[in-house]
Protein backbone atom coordinates (compact mmCIF):
# COMPACT_ATOMS: atom_id res chain seq x y z
CA MET A 1 9.47 -3.69 8.74
CA PRO A 2 6.78 -1.03 8.27
CA GLU A 3 3.57 -2.22 6.65
CA GLY A 4 1.31 -0.52 4.15
CA PRO A 5 -0.33 1.94 6.58
CA GLU A 6 3.05 3.21 7.80
CA ILE A 7 4.34 3.68 4.25
CA ARG A 8 1.16 5.51 3.26
CA ARG A 9 1.53 7.85 6.25
CA ALA A 10 5.13 8.52 5.21
CA ALA A 11 3.94 9.24 1.67
CA ASP A 12 1.35 11.67 3.06
CA GLN A 13 4.08 13.54 4.94
CA VAL A 14 6.27 13.85 1.84
CA HIS A 15 3.17 14.90 -0.14
CA ARG A 16 2.44 17.71 2.31
CA GLN A 17 6.06 18.83 2.15
CA ILE A 18 6.55 19.17 -1.61
CA ALA A 19 3.37 18.37 -3.58
CA GLY A 20 1.97 21.24 -5.62
CA ARG A 21 5.42 22.85 -5.84
CA ARG A 22 8.01 22.95 -8.59
CA LEU A 23 11.43 21.51 -7.92
CA ASP A 24 14.26 23.96 -7.48
CA ASP A 25 16.80 21.18 -7.20
CA ALA A 26 17.09 17.41 -7.34
CA TRP A 27 20.02 15.23 -6.33
CA PHE A 28 20.60 11.48 -6.54
CA ALA A 29 23.44 9.40 -5.18
CA PHE A 30 22.89 6.76 -7.86
CA PRO A 31 24.90 7.28 -11.08
CA ASP A 32 22.07 6.08 -13.34
CA LEU A 33 19.75 8.70 -11.84
CA ALA A 34 22.23 11.54 -11.35
CA GLY A 35 22.21 12.31 -15.06
CA GLN A 36 18.43 12.83 -14.98
CA ALA A 37 18.37 15.14 -11.97
CA ALA A 38 18.60 18.35 -14.03
CA SER A 39 15.58 17.33 -16.11
CA LEU A 40 13.42 17.35 -12.96
CA ILE A 41 14.21 20.97 -12.07
CA GLY A 42 11.14 23.07 -12.78
CA ARG A 43 8.84 20.06 -12.78
CA LYS A 44 5.88 20.18 -10.39
CA VAL A 45 5.32 17.39 -7.89
CA ILE A 46 1.65 16.56 -8.38
CA ALA A 47 1.30 13.80 -5.79
CA VAL A 48 3.14 11.44 -3.49
CA ASP A 49 1.39 8.18 -2.72
CA SER A 50 2.20 4.56 -1.98
CA TRP A 51 1.68 1.10 -3.41
CA GLY A 52 2.30 -1.53 -0.78
CA LYS A 53 5.68 -0.73 0.71
CA ALA A 54 6.81 1.44 -2.22
CA LEU A 55 6.54 5.23 -2.26
CA LEU A 56 5.73 6.95 -5.57
CA THR A 57 6.53 10.61 -6.23
CA ARG A 58 4.62 11.78 -9.30
CA PHE A 59 5.70 14.70 -11.51
CA ASP A 60 3.70 16.79 -13.98
CA ASP A 61 5.53 15.33 -16.99
CA SER A 62 4.15 11.84 -16.20
CA ARG A 63 7.36 10.59 -14.66
CA VAL A 64 7.28 8.77 -11.34
CA LEU A 65 10.09 8.39 -8.83
CA TYR A 66 9.86 4.93 -7.29
CA SER A 67 11.50 4.32 -3.92
CA HIS A 68 11.39 1.39 -1.51
CA ASN A 69 12.67 1.94 2.02
CA GLN A 70 13.42 -1.76 2.53
CA LEU A 71 14.65 -2.27 6.11
CA TYR A 72 16.58 0.91 6.74
CA GLY A 73 15.42 3.64 4.39
CA VAL A 74 13.76 6.75 5.80
CA TRP A 75 12.49 10.05 4.42
CA LYS A 76 13.37 13.17 6.41
CA LEU A 77 11.57 16.47 5.82
CA HIS A 78 13.37 19.71 6.52
CA ASP A 79 14.07 23.27 5.44
CA ALA A 80 16.30 23.35 2.40
CA ASP A 81 19.00 25.33 4.21
CA ARG A 82 19.11 23.04 7.28
CA GLU A 83 20.78 19.67 7.03
CA PRO A 84 19.07 16.91 9.08
CA ASP A 85 21.03 15.67 12.07
CA THR A 86 21.72 12.10 10.98
CA GLY A 87 24.60 9.76 10.31
CA ARG A 88 22.71 8.01 7.52
CA SER A 89 23.78 8.06 3.88
CA LEU A 90 21.85 10.47 1.68
CA ARG A 91 20.35 8.81 -1.41
CA VAL A 92 17.82 11.32 -2.79
CA ARG A 93 17.08 14.98 -2.16
CA LEU A 94 14.21 16.95 -3.66
CA ILE A 95 13.96 20.69 -2.96
CA ALA A 96 10.88 22.78 -3.74
CA GLN A 97 10.36 26.38 -2.56
CA ASP A 98 12.79 26.10 0.35
CA ARG A 99 11.30 22.79 1.46
CA ALA A 100 13.31 19.59 1.20
CA ALA A 101 12.50 15.88 1.27
CA SER A 102 15.58 13.70 1.72
CA LEU A 103 15.73 9.93 1.47
CA TYR A 104 18.43 8.19 3.49
CA SER A 105 19.80 4.64 3.49
CA ALA A 106 17.49 3.25 0.78
CA SER A 107 19.03 1.47 -2.20
CA ASP A 108 16.00 0.71 -4.41
CA VAL A 109 15.22 3.95 -6.28
CA SER A 110 14.35 4.46 -9.96
CA LEU A 111 12.61 6.90 -12.29
CA TRP A 112 9.82 5.65 -14.55
CA GLU A 113 7.35 6.85 -17.13
CA GLU A 114 3.92 6.42 -15.55
CA GLU A 115 2.63 4.40 -18.48
CA ARG A 116 5.42 1.87 -17.94
CA LEU A 117 4.90 1.32 -14.21
CA ASP A 118 3.21 -1.99 -14.94
CA GLU A 119 6.60 -3.19 -16.22
CA HIS A 120 8.34 -2.43 -12.91
CA PRO A 121 9.81 -5.70 -11.56
CA PHE A 122 8.34 -5.14 -8.08
CA LEU A 123 5.11 -3.23 -8.77
CA SER A 124 4.09 -5.61 -11.54
CA ARG A 125 3.79 -8.41 -8.97
CA LEU A 126 1.61 -6.50 -6.54
CA GLY A 127 -2.11 -6.65 -6.02
CA PRO A 128 -4.07 -3.45 -5.43
CA ASP A 129 -3.16 -1.22 -2.51
CA LEU A 130 -5.96 -1.17 0.06
CA LEU A 131 -5.35 2.49 0.95
CA THR A 132 -4.42 3.99 -2.41
CA HIS A 133 -6.52 2.24 -5.02
CA GLY A 134 -10.04 2.63 -3.63
CA VAL A 135 -10.62 -1.09 -3.18
CA THR A 136 -14.25 -2.00 -2.39
CA MET A 137 -15.77 -4.86 -0.39
CA GLU A 138 -16.93 -6.44 -3.64
CA GLU A 139 -13.42 -6.28 -5.09
CA VAL A 140 -11.91 -7.80 -1.94
CA THR A 141 -14.40 -10.66 -2.05
CA ALA A 142 -13.82 -11.26 -5.75
CA ARG A 143 -10.05 -11.47 -5.30
CA LEU A 144 -10.36 -13.83 -2.32
CA LEU A 145 -12.49 -16.14 -4.46
CA HIS A 146 -10.27 -15.95 -7.53
CA PRO A 147 -9.00 -19.42 -8.55
CA ARG A 148 -5.45 -18.27 -7.83
CA PHE A 149 -6.26 -17.56 -4.15
CA ARG A 150 -9.42 -19.39 -3.04
CA ARG A 151 -7.78 -22.70 -2.04
CA ARG A 152 -4.96 -21.22 0.02
CA GLY A 153 -4.82 -20.98 3.80
CA LEU A 154 -5.32 -17.45 5.08
CA ALA A 155 -2.11 -17.42 7.13
CA GLY A 156 0.01 -17.48 3.99
CA LEU A 157 -2.45 -15.85 1.64
CA LEU A 158 -2.79 -12.60 3.56
CA LEU A 159 0.98 -12.07 3.41
CA ASP A 160 1.04 -12.64 -0.36
CA GLN A 161 1.50 -9.16 -1.81
CA SER A 162 -0.09 -10.25 -5.08
CA LEU A 163 -3.42 -10.54 -3.25
CA PHE A 164 -3.32 -7.08 -1.67
CA ALA A 165 -0.26 -4.90 -1.28
CA GLY A 166 0.76 -3.70 2.17
CA ILE A 167 -0.53 -6.40 4.54
CA GLY A 168 2.26 -7.56 6.81
CA ASN A 169 2.58 -9.60 9.98
CA TYR A 170 0.72 -7.45 12.49
CA LEU A 171 -2.13 -6.71 10.08
CA ARG A 172 -2.48 -10.41 9.30
CA ALA A 173 -3.00 -11.32 12.95
CA GLU A 174 -5.39 -8.46 13.62
CA ILE A 175 -7.45 -9.07 10.46
CA LEU A 176 -7.94 -12.74 11.32
CA PHE A 177 -8.90 -11.94 14.90
CA PHE A 178 -11.56 -9.40 14.00
CA ALA A 179 -12.84 -11.66 11.22
CA GLU A 180 -13.09 -14.49 13.81
CA LEU A 181 -11.40 -16.92 11.45
CA HIS A 182 -8.78 -19.62 12.01
CA PHE A 183 -5.52 -18.99 10.20
CA MET A 184 -5.80 -22.23 8.23
CA SER A 185 -9.22 -21.35 6.80
CA ARG A 186 -9.42 -21.03 3.03
CA PRO A 187 -11.57 -18.40 1.27
CA GLY A 188 -13.21 -20.99 -0.97
CA ASP A 189 -14.45 -22.96 2.06
CA LEU A 190 -16.03 -19.98 3.82
CA GLY A 191 -19.75 -19.34 3.99
CA GLU A 192 -21.20 -16.04 2.87
CA SER A 193 -21.19 -14.42 6.31
CA ALA A 194 -17.62 -15.52 7.12
CA LEU A 195 -16.39 -14.29 3.77
CA ALA A 196 -18.11 -10.94 4.38
CA ARG A 197 -16.44 -10.68 7.81
CA LEU A 198 -13.06 -11.36 6.24
CA ALA A 199 -13.50 -8.81 3.46
CA SER A 200 -14.72 -6.19 5.92
CA SER A 201 -11.86 -6.91 8.34
CA ILE A 202 -9.24 -6.60 5.60
CA LEU A 203 -10.50 -3.14 4.74
CA THR A 204 -11.40 -1.77 8.17
CA VAL A 205 -8.35 -3.01 10.10
CA THR A 206 -5.99 -1.67 7.44
CA ARG A 207 -7.83 1.67 7.37
CA GLN A 208 -7.78 1.94 11.16
CA ALA A 209 -4.05 1.20 11.26
CA TYR A 210 -3.57 4.07 8.79
CA ASP A 211 -5.92 6.49 10.55
CA GLN A 212 -4.60 5.74 14.04
CA ALA A 213 -0.86 5.39 13.35
CA GLY A 214 -0.67 1.63 13.74
CA VAL A 215 -3.37 1.10 16.38
CA THR A 216 -5.73 -1.73 15.45
CA ASN A 217 -7.24 -2.47 18.84
CA ARG A 218 -10.79 -1.55 19.80
CA ALA A 219 -10.91 1.80 21.56
CA ASP A 220 -12.47 0.46 24.77
CA TRP A 221 -10.01 -2.42 24.99
CA ALA A 222 -7.07 -0.09 24.40
CA ALA A 223 -8.36 2.32 27.05
CA ALA A 224 -8.68 -0.49 29.59
CA ASP A 225 -5.13 -1.64 28.87
CA ARG A 226 -3.79 1.89 29.25
CA ALA A 227 -5.62 2.23 32.57
CA ARG A 228 -3.77 -0.88 33.75
CA GLY A 229 -0.47 0.76 32.84
CA SER A 230 0.25 -1.28 29.70
CA SER A 231 2.80 0.00 27.22
CA ARG A 232 1.70 1.18 23.79
CA ARG A 233 3.21 -1.98 22.33
CA ARG A 234 0.62 -3.94 24.32
CA TRP A 235 -2.49 -1.76 24.03
CA ARG A 236 -2.22 -0.88 20.33
CA PHE A 237 -3.08 -4.45 19.24
CA ALA A 238 -5.93 -6.86 19.96
CA VAL A 239 -3.79 -10.02 19.63
CA PHE A 240 -0.45 -9.27 17.99
CA GLU A 241 2.46 -9.67 20.46
CA ARG A 242 -0.02 -10.41 23.27
CA ASP A 243 0.80 -14.09 23.72
CA GLY A 244 0.21 -15.27 27.29
CA LEU A 245 -2.31 -12.50 27.96
CA PRO A 246 -6.08 -12.92 28.12
CA CYS A 247 -8.14 -12.23 25.01
CA HIS A 248 -10.03 -8.95 25.32
CA ALA A 249 -13.18 -10.61 23.99
CA CYS A 250 -13.36 -13.96 25.79
CA GLY A 251 -10.52 -14.18 28.32
CA THR A 252 -8.82 -17.15 26.64
CA THR A 253 -5.02 -16.97 26.63
CA ILE A 254 -3.60 -15.58 23.40
CA GLU A 255 -1.24 -18.04 21.71
CA ARG A 256 1.73 -17.64 19.40
CA VAL A 257 2.65 -20.05 16.60
CA MET A 258 5.04 -19.98 13.66
CA VAL A 259 3.20 -20.08 10.33
CA THR A 260 4.89 -19.47 6.96
CA SER A 261 8.07 -18.79 8.95
CA ARG A 262 6.45 -15.78 10.64
CA ARG A 263 5.06 -15.23 14.11
CA LEU A 264 1.29 -15.41 14.28
CA TYR A 265 -0.76 -14.52 17.34
CA PHE A 266 -4.35 -15.70 17.79
CA CYS A 267 -7.13 -16.47 20.20
CA PRO A 268 -7.88 -20.22 19.97
CA ARG A 269 -11.51 -19.62 21.00
CA CYS A 270 -12.45 -16.51 19.01
CA GLU A 271 -10.67 -17.73 15.89
CA SER A 272 -11.90 -21.30 15.83
CA ALA A 273 -14.26 -20.77 12.88
CA GLY A 274 -13.39 -22.10 9.46
């Protein structure tokens, strides 16, 4: 499943397609939304952003279209007079000045007043989005040390969307590697320098994944892997899905374990701290 950086990049693409334009047409496959489609015609799309794995399309009347791709949903961008070549089921279509954004295969879509978003059953459970909400190092540290989170092992904590929205399995592994922390470490047990490494890694690894389309590896390590003929699946990550291969930093064999029912990849030497 895509993680926060991939959803934010998708939101950026939809934003570039229709933001700043007024809707000429709106269509919904869902009966509870179909009756509201006409009320969106003429409304300007002011922004499209993301919160965790949800995409939010914001209109100038303070309404927000919430959509969650889940496993199979996908937005396709196209000219309004050209139907995308797909066998998927159309769920939402927004048309603005001959540009169209069409959502296929998703089933979790709803329209909300912006002031009521905190009542949304999914969004209300999320922590801040690391890419959308301008989270600082100080805020990351404060949340890690909050009584609700400080005594929990990092392997499970980092996947808890109420801590920060958008961190998934590959980000978890990469964050822990670059923070040089064992997956069973707990924030409340970390010294000042280790906690600073963790907070920095949470922000920088997530930002790099967004900026570089899912690549979290160091540039020199990725270049060396490419020179050896490795596939993108191998060179894009420092540890994730690299079990059995040598660690870029120390040469120790990367291991794979199951933690919180998810695959976790780590270097037993580099991540021994904590």
